[in-house]
Amino acid sequence: MTAPRLDRTTAARLPADARPRVDPGELRPRVVHFGLGAFHRAHQAVYTETAAAATGEPWGIVAVAPRSEGPVTALREQDLLYSVTDREPGAQRTRVVGAFADALRMGPDAAHLTELLAGEEVSVVTMTITEKAYCRRPDTGALDLDAPGIAADLAATAVDGAPLGTVIGRLAACLVARHRASAAPISVVCCDNMTGNGAALAAAVTGFVAASAWPDRAAVLDWMAGSVTFPATVVDRIVPAVTRQERDAARAALGLRDEMAVFGEPYRQWVLEDAFAAPRPRWELDGALFVPDVAPYQLMKLRLLNGAHSALAYLGLAAGCRTVADVLATGWGERLVRRFGSEVATTLPGAGLDHQSYLGDLVERFSNPAMHHLLRQIGSDGSLKIPERWLGPLRELRSAGSTAPMLELALAGWINATRPATGGGQWFGTTDPASARLADCWATPGGPRAVVAALLRAVGAADLADDEQLLTAVADRLPAVEAGRIDLENPVPDGTTPVRCCGCKGARDDAQRVDHRTGGRQQNDR
């Protein structure tokens, strides 16, 4: 028999500890969030619901989907409710969250979105749109005015009310409308994994306004300088993509059908720069930390957690593994995390943070067998991720004359994963906005070192591409990585039989192995 759908009526029948902590009908649209993905639903939305419940203030989120209409439709059909499941080894806890006051599509609902942001009731904007949506130049980090979407949006600003297709363009247009209407202060909070993410978002939005055809752009920029803040943040929770099996698990836990269910590890962290221009939810009541400077926390998370995640993804895929937990079950996974982290930790500021304890926590979190965090998900968009996660510490280590064998091994893993697969795409089925440009690098004459140099230049690292010692070190790692041998000690292959599978339980079945000859995708992960 088909289970009834989750909505306000059916949620009211659940046990008290599984129901929303607030009455969704009493929420007001006071936060606008761009990016209606699983991470936001398992992270910022949970903090916001808790803040609303603890204070009695009606902090409701208007969630905006930049592209897909599916999540908006699904949420509306469920009265804006969804479930979050915390997964621990051998246990899980599922409850319904009621943080949303509305769900909008960025394009079709643009007029309503603009009206909301022009008014005074909305005082906070948050964003989880992934690194690629910021359209930053790889060399300077500034807004790429020539990016197709940005260029089209800038041209559209010459026509009042013309549709805008990028989040940066739409957000800028909403801020212009706010300046013209209420001129009320507002805080715009970037929650994506970028160094100095607040400053990066501010540069993108102000760069768009400055390059626009809006006649009052100078006045808007003056107003933004005094009334719009862009606090930097660090967000941390492992939230894998949801599978049909996990939706079935949520249905079993609730007795209700939930098409927007999300699953996450129990651990959550949110560190925010205390630089808000307008009222905000009291997220600290759910454990959020407000600090004068998030940079030490941000670097620790980007370089240790995100950096190790990317290393595990590319090397695990090469070895035939499927998930992070699978890699940690091998003989080298935990050692890689600890050695990678210890190597990179020397580039981090002290600031009273215990990097070694953080690494120990990472090993425990990554080893959680209840979390099915797919390596292909983590390994996608590598051209945007590795400059943030690896290249900064690599430059610092080389400048100090220190060795960086784990970063060199990780780079070999990423380079191997950029190989063009038969029939198109990347070798292990990862996706990347620069995949075509990366594939062209493999046609560079001059052997492996030349390919390594071309790929480094493609991600804005011309300085590293000119480092002959680095090119040799990475190129020497490639044959073993390509063969599926992940050797933390010896970068040069010893002629042994290529290993195509790491031997972990998640990659033993033939259906879960990767065909290294064709770059075929794992069959059970489509």
Protein backbone atom coordinates (compact mmCIF):
# COMPACT_ATOMS: atom_id res chain seq x y z
CA MET A 1 0.00 0.00 0.00
CA THR A 2 1.31 3.47 -0.89
CA ALA A 3 2.22 5.53 2.15
CA PRO A 4 0.45 8.88 2.55
CA ARG A 5 2.44 11.98 1.60
CA LEU A 6 4.11 14.12 4.23
CA ASP A 7 2.19 17.36 4.72
CA ARG A 8 0.86 19.41 7.63
CA THR A 9 -2.09 17.11 8.24
CA THR A 10 -0.08 13.88 8.26
CA ALA A 11 2.84 15.41 10.19
CA ALA A 12 0.43 16.27 13.02
CA ARG A 13 -0.09 12.54 13.59
CA LEU A 14 3.61 11.84 14.19
CA PRO A 15 5.10 11.43 17.67
CA ALA A 16 5.97 14.79 19.24
CA ASP A 17 9.73 14.36 18.83
CA ALA A 18 9.31 13.76 15.09
CA ARG A 19 7.15 16.80 14.37
CA PRO A 20 8.35 20.28 13.30
CA ARG A 21 9.57 22.41 16.19
CA VAL A 22 7.51 25.37 14.95
CA ASP A 23 4.10 25.81 13.39
CA PRO A 24 4.96 26.46 9.71
CA GLY A 25 1.73 28.41 9.31
CA GLU A 26 3.01 31.06 11.72
CA LEU A 27 6.31 31.71 9.94
CA ARG A 28 6.95 34.95 8.09
CA PRO A 29 9.25 35.36 5.04
CA ARG A 30 12.25 36.93 6.76
CA VAL A 31 15.17 35.01 5.22
CA VAL A 32 15.66 34.39 1.51
CA HIS A 33 17.90 31.47 0.59
CA PHE A 34 19.32 30.84 -2.89
CA GLY A 35 20.02 27.15 -3.50
CA LEU A 36 17.33 24.64 -2.55
CA GLY A 37 19.70 21.71 -2.15
CA ALA A 38 20.10 18.94 0.40
CA PHE A 39 22.89 20.70 2.27
CA HIS A 40 20.82 23.79 3.04
CA ARG A 41 17.88 21.69 4.18
CA ALA A 42 20.14 19.72 6.54
CA HIS A 43 22.13 22.70 7.79
CA GLN A 44 21.04 26.37 7.76
CA ALA A 45 17.35 25.51 7.69
CA VAL A 46 17.71 23.37 10.82
CA TYR A 47 19.53 26.17 12.66
CA THR A 48 16.83 28.64 11.59
CA GLU A 49 13.95 26.43 12.71
CA THR A 50 15.61 25.96 16.10
CA ALA A 51 16.15 29.72 16.47
CA ALA A 52 12.50 30.40 15.63
CA ALA A 53 11.32 27.76 18.11
CA ALA A 54 13.58 29.01 20.91
CA THR A 55 12.70 32.70 20.56
CA GLY A 56 9.13 32.56 19.29
CA GLU A 57 10.14 34.86 16.43
CA PRO A 58 8.62 33.85 13.06
CA TRP A 59 11.89 33.41 11.14
CA GLY A 60 10.66 31.71 7.98
CA ILE A 61 12.88 30.95 4.98
CA VAL A 62 11.84 31.59 1.39
CA ALA A 63 13.88 29.01 -0.51
CA VAL A 64 14.76 29.86 -4.11
CA ALA A 65 15.72 27.19 -6.65
CA PRO A 66 17.97 28.81 -9.29
CA ARG A 67 17.29 26.21 -12.00
CA SER A 68 15.28 23.08 -11.30
CA GLU A 69 11.57 23.38 -10.64
CA GLY A 70 11.33 19.86 -9.21
CA PRO A 71 12.34 20.68 -5.61
CA VAL A 72 9.95 23.65 -5.51
CA THR A 73 7.05 21.52 -6.72
CA ALA A 74 7.88 18.73 -4.28
CA LEU A 75 8.12 21.08 -1.32
CA ARG A 76 4.88 22.83 -2.18
CA GLU A 77 3.09 19.48 -2.46
CA GLN A 78 4.34 18.68 1.07
CA ASP A 79 3.23 22.02 2.58
CA LEU A 80 6.94 23.02 2.67
CA LEU A 81 7.79 20.19 5.09
CA TYR A 82 10.58 17.63 4.75
CA SER A 83 12.50 15.25 6.98
CA VAL A 84 16.11 15.19 8.17
CA THR A 85 17.71 11.94 9.28
CA ASP A 86 20.82 11.97 11.46
CA ARG A 87 22.84 8.86 10.73
CA GLU A 88 25.23 7.29 13.21
CA PRO A 89 26.77 3.84 12.96
CA GLY A 90 23.97 1.42 13.75
CA ALA A 91 21.40 4.11 14.53
CA GLN A 92 19.41 6.89 12.94
CA ARG A 93 16.93 9.54 14.03
CA THR A 94 14.37 11.04 11.66
CA ARG A 95 12.27 14.15 12.26
CA VAL A 96 10.27 16.63 10.19
CA VAL A 97 11.55 20.18 9.75
CA GLY A 98 9.28 23.18 9.24
CA ALA A 99 11.65 26.04 8.44
CA PHE A 100 10.22 27.24 5.11
CA ALA A 101 7.66 29.96 4.60
CA ASP A 102 7.68 29.55 0.81
CA ALA A 103 9.57 28.01 -2.11
CA LEU A 104 10.16 29.90 -5.35
CA ARG A 105 11.67 29.35 -8.80
CA MET A 106 14.22 32.04 -9.53
CA GLY A 107 13.07 32.69 -13.10
CA PRO A 108 9.28 32.21 -13.16
CA ASP A 109 8.85 33.74 -9.69
CA ALA A 110 11.29 36.61 -10.24
CA ALA A 111 8.71 39.36 -9.67
CA HIS A 112 7.65 37.92 -6.30
CA LEU A 113 11.30 37.41 -5.30
CA THR A 114 12.11 41.02 -6.14
CA GLU A 115 9.11 42.23 -4.18
CA LEU A 116 10.23 40.25 -1.13
CA LEU A 117 13.79 41.54 -1.21
CA ALA A 118 12.70 45.11 -1.87
CA GLY A 119 10.70 45.13 1.37
CA GLU A 120 11.98 45.55 4.91
CA GLU A 121 10.71 42.28 6.36
CA VAL A 122 13.46 40.22 4.73
CA SER A 123 16.69 41.11 6.52
CA VAL A 124 18.95 38.17 5.66
CA VAL A 125 19.90 36.42 2.42
CA THR A 126 21.84 33.14 2.57
CA MET A 127 23.36 31.19 -0.31
CA THR A 128 24.48 27.64 -1.11
CA ILE A 129 24.88 27.69 -4.89
CA THR A 130 28.26 25.84 -5.23
CA GLU A 131 31.53 27.42 -6.26
CA LYS A 132 30.81 27.47 -9.99
CA ALA A 133 27.76 29.74 -9.64
CA TYR A 134 29.92 32.66 -8.51
CA CYS A 135 31.47 32.89 -11.99
CA ARG A 136 34.89 33.94 -10.68
CA ARG A 137 38.00 34.31 -12.79
CA PRO A 138 40.50 31.58 -11.88
CA ASP A 139 43.43 34.01 -11.95
CA THR A 140 42.07 36.93 -9.91
CA GLY A 141 38.94 35.63 -8.19
CA ALA A 142 36.98 38.63 -9.51
CA LEU A 143 33.65 38.28 -11.29
CA ASP A 144 34.20 37.00 -14.82
CA LEU A 145 32.33 39.60 -16.85
CA ASP A 146 32.82 37.50 -19.97
CA ALA A 147 31.24 34.34 -18.56
CA PRO A 148 28.28 33.61 -20.85
CA GLY A 149 25.62 33.85 -18.16
CA ILE A 150 27.08 37.00 -16.60
CA ALA A 151 27.58 38.71 -19.97
CA ALA A 152 23.98 37.96 -20.94
CA ASP A 153 22.67 39.28 -17.62
CA LEU A 154 24.74 42.46 -17.90
CA ALA A 155 23.30 43.08 -21.35
CA ALA A 156 19.81 42.51 -19.95
CA THR A 157 20.24 45.30 -17.38
CA ALA A 158 19.83 47.79 -20.25
CA VAL A 159 16.15 46.78 -20.40
CA ASP A 160 14.17 47.42 -17.24
CA GLY A 161 12.56 44.21 -15.98
CA ALA A 162 14.44 41.91 -18.36
CA PRO A 163 14.92 38.36 -17.03
CA LEU A 164 18.25 37.52 -15.41
CA GLY A 165 19.51 33.94 -15.39
CA THR A 166 22.42 33.88 -12.91
CA VAL A 167 22.12 34.02 -9.14
CA ILE A 168 24.65 36.86 -9.02
CA GLY A 169 22.67 38.88 -11.55
CA ARG A 170 19.32 38.18 -9.89
CA LEU A 171 20.67 39.03 -6.41
CA ALA A 172 22.17 42.27 -7.73
CA ALA A 173 18.85 43.21 -9.35
CA CYS A 174 17.01 42.53 -6.08
CA LEU A 175 19.44 44.73 -4.17
CA VAL A 176 18.91 47.51 -6.72
CA ALA A 177 15.16 47.15 -6.19
CA ARG A 178 15.66 47.29 -2.41
CA HIS A 179 17.70 50.49 -2.72
CA ARG A 180 14.98 52.08 -4.85
CA ALA A 181 12.16 50.99 -2.51
CA SER A 182 12.99 50.73 1.20
CA ALA A 183 16.80 51.16 1.24
CA ALA A 184 16.65 49.00 4.38
CA PRO A 185 19.92 47.39 5.47
CA ILE A 186 20.41 43.70 4.78
CA SER A 187 23.01 40.97 5.32
CA VAL A 188 23.99 38.59 2.51
CA VAL A 189 25.59 35.41 3.84
CA CYS A 190 27.65 33.13 1.60
CA CYS A 191 27.65 29.52 2.82
CA ASP A 192 29.77 28.00 0.04
CA ASN A 193 33.26 26.55 0.40
CA MET A 194 35.49 29.40 -0.74
CA THR A 195 38.34 31.17 1.02
CA GLY A 196 37.04 34.55 2.14
CA ASN A 197 33.60 33.61 0.88
CA GLY A 198 31.95 36.78 2.17
CA ALA A 199 34.44 39.02 0.40
CA ALA A 200 34.20 36.85 -2.72
CA LEU A 201 30.43 37.26 -2.86
CA ALA A 202 30.69 40.99 -2.19
CA ALA A 203 33.18 41.37 -5.05
CA ALA A 204 30.92 39.44 -7.41
CA VAL A 205 27.79 41.44 -6.62
CA THR A 206 29.45 44.86 -6.57
CA GLY A 207 31.34 43.96 -9.73
CA PHE A 208 28.08 43.11 -11.44
CA VAL A 209 26.38 46.34 -10.34
CA ALA A 210 29.38 48.43 -11.39
CA ALA A 211 29.42 46.83 -14.86
CA SER A 212 25.64 47.04 -15.31
CA ALA A 213 23.61 49.50 -17.38
CA TRP A 214 21.42 50.54 -14.44
CA PRO A 215 21.41 54.35 -14.41
CA ASP A 216 21.56 54.59 -10.61
CA ARG A 217 24.37 52.04 -10.20
CA ALA A 218 26.70 54.55 -8.49
CA ALA A 219 24.07 55.39 -5.89
CA VAL A 220 23.37 51.69 -5.37
CA LEU A 221 27.05 51.00 -4.76
CA ASP A 222 27.22 53.85 -2.22
CA TRP A 223 24.19 52.44 -0.41
CA MET A 224 25.65 48.92 -0.44
CA ALA A 225 28.89 50.18 1.09
CA GLY A 226 27.02 51.40 4.16
CA SER A 227 23.95 49.20 4.42
CA VAL A 228 24.75 45.76 2.96
CA THR A 229 27.17 43.41 4.67
CA PHE A 230 28.56 40.11 3.43
CA PRO A 231 29.59 38.09 6.52
CA ALA A 232 32.06 35.29 5.92
CA THR A 233 31.08 31.85 7.19
CA VAL A 234 32.21 28.28 7.66
CA VAL A 235 29.60 25.55 7.21
CA ASP A 236 30.28 21.93 8.02
CA ARG A 237 28.10 18.86 7.79
CA ILE A 238 28.47 15.83 5.55
CA VAL A 239 25.24 15.56 3.55
CA PRO A 240 25.43 12.99 0.73
CA ALA A 241 23.12 12.98 -2.27
CA VAL A 242 19.91 11.12 -1.40
CA THR A 243 19.16 7.81 -3.10
CA ARG A 244 15.85 6.06 -3.62
CA GLN A 245 16.84 3.57 -0.91
CA GLU A 246 17.26 6.43 1.56
CA ARG A 247 13.88 7.88 0.66
CA ASP A 248 12.48 4.45 1.38
CA ALA A 249 14.25 4.50 4.76
CA ALA A 250 12.70 7.89 5.58
CA ARG A 251 9.29 6.54 4.61
CA ALA A 252 9.79 3.55 6.89
CA ALA A 253 10.81 5.79 9.79
CA LEU A 254 7.89 8.21 9.39
CA GLY A 255 5.24 6.06 7.79
CA LEU A 256 4.96 8.90 5.26
CA ARG A 257 6.23 9.50 1.74
CA ASP A 258 8.82 12.31 1.65
CA GLU A 259 10.32 13.26 -1.71
CA MET A 260 12.54 15.92 -0.11
CA ALA A 261 14.10 13.80 2.64
CA VAL A 262 17.75 14.48 3.48
CA PHE A 263 20.32 12.45 5.40
CA GLY A 264 23.34 13.80 7.24
CA GLU A 265 25.93 12.90 9.81
CA PRO A 266 25.11 13.96 13.40
CA TYR A 267 27.94 16.54 13.37
CA ARG A 268 27.04 20.14 12.46
CA GLN A 269 29.07 23.33 12.63
CA TRP A 270 28.40 26.91 11.58
CA VAL A 271 30.91 29.70 12.23
CA LEU A 272 29.88 33.21 11.17
CA GLU A 273 31.61 36.56 11.05
CA ASP A 274 29.78 38.84 13.47
CA ALA A 275 29.13 41.53 10.85
CA PHE A 276 25.38 41.74 10.32
CA ALA A 277 23.70 44.92 9.13
CA ALA A 278 20.15 43.96 10.10
CA PRO A 279 18.23 41.62 12.43
CA ARG A 280 19.00 37.90 12.08
CA PRO A 281 17.83 34.62 13.60
CA ARG A 282 19.58 33.71 16.85
CA TRP A 283 21.40 30.79 15.29
CA GLU A 284 23.75 30.66 18.28
CA LEU A 285 20.88 29.03 20.23
CA ASP A 286 21.52 25.91 18.12
CA GLY A 287 25.30 26.10 18.53
CA ALA A 288 26.36 28.50 15.77
CA LEU A 289 29.50 30.44 16.67
CA PHE A 290 29.83 34.18 15.96
CA VAL A 291 33.41 35.43 15.82
CA PRO A 292 35.25 38.59 14.68
CA ASP A 293 37.33 36.62 12.14
CA VAL A 294 36.34 33.29 10.58
CA ALA A 295 39.56 32.94 8.56
CA PRO A 296 41.30 30.44 10.89
CA TYR A 297 38.19 28.24 11.01
CA GLN A 298 37.66 28.62 7.28
CA LEU A 299 41.20 27.63 6.36
CA MET A 300 41.14 24.67 8.74
CA LYS A 301 37.92 23.36 7.25
CA LEU A 302 38.82 24.03 3.60
CA ARG A 303 42.33 22.64 3.80
CA LEU A 304 41.78 19.73 6.19
CA LEU A 305 38.22 18.48 5.70
CA ASN A 306 37.52 19.60 2.13
CA GLY A 307 41.12 19.06 1.05
CA ALA A 308 41.21 15.53 2.44
CA HIS A 309 37.77 14.83 0.97
CA SER A 310 39.00 15.69 -2.53
CA ALA A 311 42.13 13.59 -2.08
CA LEU A 312 40.03 10.62 -0.95
CA ALA A 313 37.68 11.12 -3.88
CA TYR A 314 40.23 11.04 -6.70
CA LEU A 315 42.51 8.39 -5.21
CA GLY A 316 39.54 6.29 -4.08
CA LEU A 317 37.99 6.40 -7.55
CA ALA A 318 41.31 5.31 -9.05
CA ALA A 319 41.39 2.36 -6.65
CA GLY A 320 37.83 1.31 -7.49
CA CYS A 321 36.11 2.53 -4.32
CA ARG A 322 32.68 4.11 -4.29
CA THR A 323 32.20 6.00 -1.02
CA VAL A 324 34.34 7.81 1.55
CA ALA A 325 33.67 5.10 4.13
CA ASP A 326 34.86 2.50 1.60
CA VAL A 327 38.19 4.31 1.28
CA LEU A 328 38.59 4.56 5.05
CA ALA A 329 38.08 0.77 5.19
CA THR A 330 41.19 0.20 3.06
CA GLY A 331 44.70 -0.16 4.41
CA TRP A 332 45.68 3.33 3.25
CA GLY A 333 42.60 5.55 3.67
CA GLU A 334 43.07 6.57 7.30
CA ARG A 335 46.82 7.00 6.82
CA LEU A 336 46.14 9.27 3.85
CA VAL A 337 43.81 11.49 5.88
CA ARG A 338 46.25 11.77 8.77
CA ARG A 339 49.33 12.36 6.61
CA PHE A 340 47.56 14.76 4.29
CA GLY A 341 46.20 16.68 7.26
CA SER A 342 49.52 16.82 9.09
CA GLU A 343 51.23 18.07 5.94
CA VAL A 344 48.66 20.80 5.31
CA ALA A 345 48.23 21.76 8.98
CA THR A 346 51.68 23.39 8.96
CA THR A 347 50.21 26.09 6.67
CA LEU A 348 47.37 26.94 9.06
CA PRO A 349 47.32 29.77 11.60
CA GLY A 350 47.32 28.67 15.24
CA ALA A 351 44.48 30.86 16.55
CA GLY A 352 43.93 28.44 19.42
CA LEU A 353 42.53 25.70 17.15
CA ASP A 354 43.57 22.09 17.76
CA HIS A 355 44.33 20.79 14.28
CA GLN A 356 45.32 17.29 15.39
CA SER A 357 42.09 16.77 17.33
CA TYR A 358 40.20 18.04 14.29
CA LEU A 359 42.00 15.44 12.16
CA GLY A 360 41.07 12.71 14.61
CA ASP A 361 37.45 13.78 14.40
CA LEU A 362 37.66 13.72 10.59
CA VAL A 363 38.85 10.12 10.59
CA GLU A 364 35.90 9.15 12.78
CA ARG A 365 33.42 11.11 10.64
CA PHE A 366 34.79 9.79 7.34
CA SER A 367 34.71 6.21 8.68
CA ASN A 368 30.99 6.34 9.49
CA PRO A 369 29.61 3.38 7.47
CA ALA A 370 26.08 4.79 7.71
CA MET A 371 27.09 7.72 5.50
CA HIS A 372 27.11 6.76 1.82
CA HIS A 373 28.99 9.82 0.57
CA LEU A 374 29.78 9.12 -3.08
CA LEU A 375 33.31 9.84 -4.27
CA ARG A 376 31.95 10.93 -7.64
CA GLN A 377 29.85 13.62 -5.94
CA ILE A 378 32.86 14.95 -4.02
CA GLY A 379 35.13 14.72 -7.07
CA SER A 380 32.88 16.80 -9.35
CA ASP A 381 33.77 20.45 -10.12
CA GLY A 382 37.40 19.74 -9.28
CA SER A 383 38.72 22.65 -11.37
CA LEU A 384 36.93 24.99 -8.95
CA LYS A 385 37.60 23.05 -5.76
CA ILE A 386 41.29 22.18 -5.84
CA PRO A 387 42.55 25.79 -6.19
CA GLU A 388 40.73 26.54 -2.91
CA ARG A 389 41.68 23.31 -1.15
CA TRP A 390 45.15 22.32 -2.35
CA LEU A 391 47.01 24.95 -4.33
CA GLY A 392 47.28 27.56 -1.59
CA PRO A 393 48.94 25.24 0.92
CA LEU A 394 51.05 23.72 -1.84
CA ARG A 395 52.44 27.16 -2.72
CA GLU A 396 53.15 27.93 0.92
CA LEU A 397 54.94 24.63 1.51
CA ARG A 398 57.07 24.94 -1.59
CA SER A 399 57.89 28.56 -0.80
CA ALA A 400 59.09 27.46 2.66
CA GLY A 401 61.22 24.70 1.13
CA SER A 402 59.06 21.98 2.68
CA THR A 403 58.10 18.75 0.95
CA ALA A 404 54.49 18.01 0.04
CA PRO A 405 54.26 14.33 -0.95
CA MET A 406 50.58 13.96 -0.05
CA LEU A 407 49.55 17.03 -2.03
CA GLU A 408 51.59 15.76 -4.96
CA LEU A 409 49.85 12.38 -4.71
CA ALA A 410 46.46 14.06 -4.50
CA LEU A 411 47.23 16.16 -7.58
CA ALA A 412 48.14 13.00 -9.46
CA GLY A 413 44.75 11.61 -8.47
CA TRP A 414 42.90 14.65 -9.78
CA ILE A 415 44.92 14.74 -13.00
CA ASN A 416 44.16 11.07 -13.60
CA ALA A 417 40.44 11.77 -13.08
CA THR A 418 40.41 14.51 -15.73
CA ARG A 419 41.21 12.01 -18.48
CA PRO A 420 38.61 12.16 -21.25
CA ALA A 421 36.51 9.00 -21.23
CA THR A 422 35.43 7.09 -24.29
CA GLY A 423 32.18 8.63 -25.44
CA GLY A 424 32.79 11.93 -23.64
CA GLY A 425 32.90 13.14 -20.08
CA GLN A 426 35.56 12.49 -17.47
CA TRP A 427 37.25 9.19 -16.67
CA PHE A 428 35.19 8.25 -13.59
CA GLY A 429 31.97 10.04 -14.48
CA THR A 430 32.68 13.17 -12.45
CA THR A 431 31.37 16.41 -13.90
CA ASP A 432 33.16 19.73 -14.24
CA PRO A 433 32.25 23.03 -15.95
CA ALA A 434 35.77 23.03 -17.43
CA SER A 435 35.76 19.38 -18.52
CA ALA A 436 36.25 20.14 -22.23
CA ARG A 437 39.18 22.44 -21.53
CA LEU A 438 40.71 19.89 -19.17
CA ALA A 439 40.28 17.12 -21.74
CA ASP A 440 42.14 19.22 -24.32
CA CYS A 441 45.13 19.34 -21.96
CA TRP A 442 45.67 15.62 -22.52
CA ALA A 443 46.57 16.34 -26.14
CA THR A 444 49.50 18.55 -25.04
CA PRO A 445 52.72 17.27 -26.62
CA GLY A 446 55.69 16.53 -24.43
CA GLY A 447 54.59 13.66 -22.22
CA PRO A 448 53.12 13.47 -18.71
CA ARG A 449 54.98 16.49 -17.33
CA ALA A 450 53.60 18.67 -20.11
CA VAL A 451 50.07 17.40 -19.40
CA VAL A 452 50.47 18.17 -15.70
CA ALA A 453 51.65 21.69 -16.56
CA ALA A 454 48.75 22.27 -18.96
CA LEU A 455 46.19 21.17 -16.38
CA LEU A 456 47.70 23.41 -13.71
CA ARG A 457 47.53 26.37 -16.10
CA ALA A 458 43.90 25.51 -16.87
CA VAL A 459 43.00 26.07 -13.20
CA GLY A 460 44.88 29.36 -12.92
CA ALA A 461 48.12 27.99 -11.44
CA ALA A 462 50.66 29.15 -14.01
CA ASP A 463 53.24 29.62 -11.25
CA LEU A 464 53.02 25.97 -10.22
CA ALA A 465 53.03 24.92 -13.88
CA ASP A 466 56.51 26.46 -14.14
CA ASP A 467 57.83 24.51 -11.15
CA GLU A 468 59.84 21.75 -12.82
CA GLN A 469 60.44 19.84 -9.60
CA LEU A 470 56.71 19.74 -8.86
CA LEU A 471 55.85 18.63 -12.40
CA THR A 472 58.28 15.74 -12.12
CA ALA A 473 57.02 14.69 -8.69
CA VAL A 474 53.37 14.63 -9.83
CA ALA A 475 54.12 12.97 -13.17
CA ASP A 476 56.08 10.23 -11.37
CA ARG A 477 52.96 9.41 -9.36
CA LEU A 478 50.66 9.08 -12.37
CA PRO A 479 51.43 5.51 -13.58
CA ALA A 480 50.73 3.95 -10.18
CA VAL A 481 47.56 6.00 -9.67
CA GLU A 482 46.32 5.15 -13.15
CA ALA A 483 46.88 1.46 -12.35
CA GLY A 484 44.88 1.80 -9.12
CA ARG A 485 47.91 1.47 -6.82
CA ILE A 486 47.72 4.03 -4.02
CA ASP A 487 51.18 3.96 -2.48
CA LEU A 488 51.79 6.63 0.15
CA GLU A 489 55.47 5.78 0.31
CA ASN A 490 56.78 5.07 -3.18
CA PRO A 491 55.79 7.39 -6.05
CA VAL A 492 57.36 5.23 -8.75
CA PRO A 493 55.53 2.08 -9.94
CA ASP A 494 57.46 -1.13 -9.25
CA GLY A 495 56.07 -3.22 -12.07
CA THR A 496 53.57 -5.13 -9.99
CA THR A 497 50.22 -6.13 -11.42
CA PRO A 498 47.88 -3.13 -11.63
CA VAL A 499 45.32 -3.02 -8.85
CA ARG A 500 41.91 -2.01 -10.14
CA CYS A 501 39.99 -2.24 -6.91
CA CYS A 502 40.85 -1.15 -3.40
CA GLY A 503 39.34 -4.35 -1.99
CA CYS A 504 36.86 -2.53 0.20
CA LYS A 505 33.47 -4.07 0.65
CA GLY A 506 31.83 -1.26 -1.30
CA ALA A 507 33.74 -2.06 -4.48
CA ARG A 508 33.96 -5.83 -4.55
CA ASP A 509 31.05 -6.52 -6.81
CA ASP A 510 31.71 -6.26 -10.52
CA ALA A 511 28.75 -3.90 -10.85
CA GLN A 512 30.53 -1.46 -8.54
CA ARG A 513 33.93 -1.49 -10.20
CA VAL A 514 35.11 1.21 -12.55
CA ASP A 515 36.26 0.19 -16.01
CA HIS A 516 39.60 2.01 -16.17
CA ARG A 517 39.94 1.36 -19.89
CA THR A 518 36.78 3.22 -20.88
CA GLY A 519 36.04 5.40 -17.87
CA GLY A 520 32.69 3.63 -17.58
CA ARG A 521 30.42 4.67 -14.76
CA GLN A 522 29.64 2.52 -11.75
CA GLN A 523 26.40 0.79 -12.63
CA ASN A 524 24.62 1.18 -9.31
CA ASP A 525 25.22 4.91 -9.04
CA ARG A 526 23.42 6.37 -12.04
